[in-house]
C-alpha atoms as a PDB file:
ATOM      1  CA  MET A   1     154.197  99.860  86.610  1.00  0.00           C
ATOM      2  CA  ALA A   2     152.132  96.662  86.572  1.00  0.00           C
ATOM      3  CA  SER A   3     149.775  98.080  83.928  1.00  0.00           C
ATOM      4  CA  LEU A   4     152.755  98.642  81.599  1.00  0.00           C
ATOM      5  CA  LYS A   5     153.796  94.998  81.597  1.00  0.00           C
ATOM      6  CA  PRO A   6     151.306  93.906  78.863  1.00  0.00           C
ATOM      7  CA  LEU A   7     152.412  96.783  76.645  1.00  0.00           C
ATOM      8  CA  LEU A   8     156.133  96.067  77.022  1.00  0.00           C
ATOM      9  CA  ALA A   9     155.553  92.324  76.782  1.00  0.00           C
ATOM     10  CA  GLU A  10     154.450  92.933  73.170  1.00  0.00           C
ATOM     11  CA  LEU A  11     158.006  94.188  72.588  1.00  0.00           C
ATOM     12  CA  GLY A  12     159.602  91.326  74.513  1.00  0.00           C
ATOM     13  CA  GLU A  13     160.626  93.690  77.313  1.00  0.00           C
ATOM     14  CA  THR A  14     160.185  93.975  81.083  1.00  0.00           C
ATOM     15  CA  PRO A  15     160.051  97.427  82.749  1.00  0.00           C
ATOM     16  CA  VAL A  16     162.836  98.262  85.201  1.00  0.00           C
ATOM     17  CA  GLU A  17     162.229 101.965  85.847  1.00  0.00           C
ATOM     18  CA  VAL A  18     159.605 104.540  84.880  1.00  0.00           C
ATOM     19  CA  SER A  19     160.222 108.301  85.045  1.00  0.00           C
ATOM     20  CA  PHE A  20     158.235 111.364  83.998  1.00  0.00           C
ATOM     21  CA  LEU A  21     159.729 113.401  81.127  1.00  0.00           C
ATOM     22  CA  ALA A  22     157.349 116.111  79.945  1.00  0.00           C
ATOM     23  CA  GLU A  23     153.778 117.355  79.697  1.00  0.00           C
ATOM     24  CA  GLY A  24     152.016 118.994  76.765  1.00  0.00           C
ATOM     25  CA  ALA A  25     148.541 120.343  76.104  1.00  0.00           C
ATOM     26  CA  ASN A  26     146.948 116.924  75.668  1.00  0.00           C
ATOM     27  CA  SER A  27     149.529 114.375  76.784  1.00  0.00           C
ATOM     28  CA  LYS A  28     152.268 113.391  79.202  1.00  0.00           C
ATOM     29  CA  VAL A  29     155.447 111.566  78.219  1.00  0.00           C
ATOM     30  CA  TRP A  30     157.146 108.943  80.372  1.00  0.00           C
ATOM     31  CA  ARG A  31     160.500 107.205  79.971  1.00  0.00           C
ATOM     32  CA  LEU A  32     160.301 103.437  80.329  1.00  0.00           C
ATOM     33  CA  GLN A  33     163.650 101.798  81.037  1.00  0.00           C
ATOM     34  CA  THR A  34     164.007  98.080  80.415  1.00  0.00           C
ATOM     35  CA  GLU A  35     167.044  95.876  80.817  1.00  0.00           C
ATOM     36  CA  THR A  36     168.020  96.472  77.181  1.00  0.00           C
ATOM     37  CA  ARG A  37     166.707  99.891  76.075  1.00  0.00           C
ATOM     38  CA  SER A  38     164.635 102.979  76.777  1.00  0.00           C
ATOM     39  CA  TYR A  39     161.191 103.761  75.391  1.00  0.00           C
ATOM     40  CA  ALA A  40     159.026 106.873  75.426  1.00  0.00           C
ATOM     41  CA  LEU A  41     155.395 106.369  76.408  1.00  0.00           C
ATOM     42  CA  LYS A  42     152.964 109.104  75.412  1.00  0.00           C
ATOM     43  CA  VAL A  43     149.845 109.102  77.587  1.00  0.00           C
ATOM     44  CA  PHE A  44     146.904 111.197  76.450  1.00  0.00           C
ATOM     45  CA  VAL A  45     145.228 113.200  79.214  1.00  0.00           C
ATOM     46  CA  GLU A  46     141.859 113.498  77.492  1.00  0.00           C
ATOM     47  CA  GLU A  47     140.773 110.457  75.510  1.00  0.00           C
ATOM     48  CA  ASP A  48     138.600 112.535  73.160  1.00  0.00           C
ATOM     49  CA  ARG A  49     141.672 114.566  72.082  1.00  0.00           C
ATOM     50  CA  ILE A  50     143.696 111.596  70.787  1.00  0.00           C
ATOM     51  CA  LEU A  51     144.829 111.976  67.180  1.00  0.00           C
ATOM     52  CA  ASP A  52     143.517 109.513  64.642  1.00  0.00           C
ATOM     53  CA  GLY A  53     146.332 107.184  63.532  1.00  0.00           C
ATOM     54  CA  ALA A  54     146.160 108.379  59.916  1.00  0.00           C
ATOM     55  CA  ILE A  55     146.337 112.037  60.965  1.00  0.00           C
ATOM     56  CA  ASP A  56     149.250 111.297  63.299  1.00  0.00           C
ATOM     57  CA  ALA A  57     151.103 109.527  60.453  1.00  0.00           C
ATOM     58  CA  PHE A  58     150.404 112.490  58.128  1.00  0.00           C
ATOM     59  CA  ILE A  59     151.815 114.959  60.664  1.00  0.00           C
ATOM     60  CA  ARG A  60     154.885 112.789  61.293  1.00  0.00           C
ATOM     61  CA  GLN A  61     155.545 112.512  57.548  1.00  0.00           C
ATOM     62  CA  GLY A  62     155.217 116.294  57.168  1.00  0.00           C
ATOM     63  CA  VAL A  63     157.843 116.822  59.861  1.00  0.00           C
ATOM     64  CA  ILE A  64     160.168 114.260  58.243  1.00  0.00           C
ATOM     65  CA  ASP A  65     159.680 115.814  54.774  1.00  0.00           C
ATOM     66  CA  ARG A  66     160.818 119.148  56.197  1.00  0.00           C
ATOM     67  CA  GLY A  67     163.983 117.661  57.717  1.00  0.00           C
ATOM     68  CA  GLY A  68     162.681 117.099  61.244  1.00  0.00           C
ATOM     69  CA  ALA A  69     163.169 114.019  63.360  1.00  0.00           C
ATOM     70  CA  VAL A  70     160.287 112.082  64.884  1.00  0.00           C
ATOM     71  CA  VAL A  71     160.057 108.799  66.698  1.00  0.00           C
ATOM     72  CA  ALA A  72     157.997 106.151  64.941  1.00  0.00           C
ATOM     73  CA  PRO A  73     155.506 104.328  67.168  1.00  0.00           C
ATOM     74  CA  LEU A  74     156.559 100.742  67.866  1.00  0.00           C
ATOM     75  CA  VAL A  75     153.271  99.693  69.385  1.00  0.00           C
ATOM     76  CA  THR A  76     150.044 101.515  70.187  1.00  0.00           C
ATOM     77  CA  SER A  77     147.048 100.755  72.352  1.00  0.00           C
ATOM     78  CA  ASP A  78     145.014 100.539  69.118  1.00  0.00           C
ATOM     79  CA  SER A  79     147.300  97.907  67.621  1.00  0.00           C
ATOM     80  CA  LEU A  80     147.060  95.895  70.849  1.00  0.00           C
ATOM     81  CA  ASP A  81     143.343  96.538  71.302  1.00  0.00           C
ATOM     82  CA  LEU A  82     144.363  97.588  74.816  1.00  0.00           C
ATOM     83  CA  THR A  83     143.551 100.876  76.490  1.00  0.00           C
ATOM     84  CA  LEU A  84     145.307 101.651  79.753  1.00  0.00           C
ATOM     85  CA  HIS A  85     143.418 103.922  82.136  1.00  0.00           C
ATOM     86  CA  GLY A  86     144.853 105.771  85.111  1.00  0.00           C
END
């Protein structure tokens, strides 16, 4: 949980609890509970399979345009220039 503190600090939050939610082909999703809200953290299993930010935005917009719901990223490791390993 210590490695999550810099990430959540960017949002003005402190982690209280972390729990595993789901696993896909190239990522795992964790629930981060803070004192005020919950966040979803998507962790990519293979760094070379991470979607480019522009492609990710294109896919999200396509889902939205077709009536789907997606969660917009609040902060990314790219925007922080911070990559968490492990």
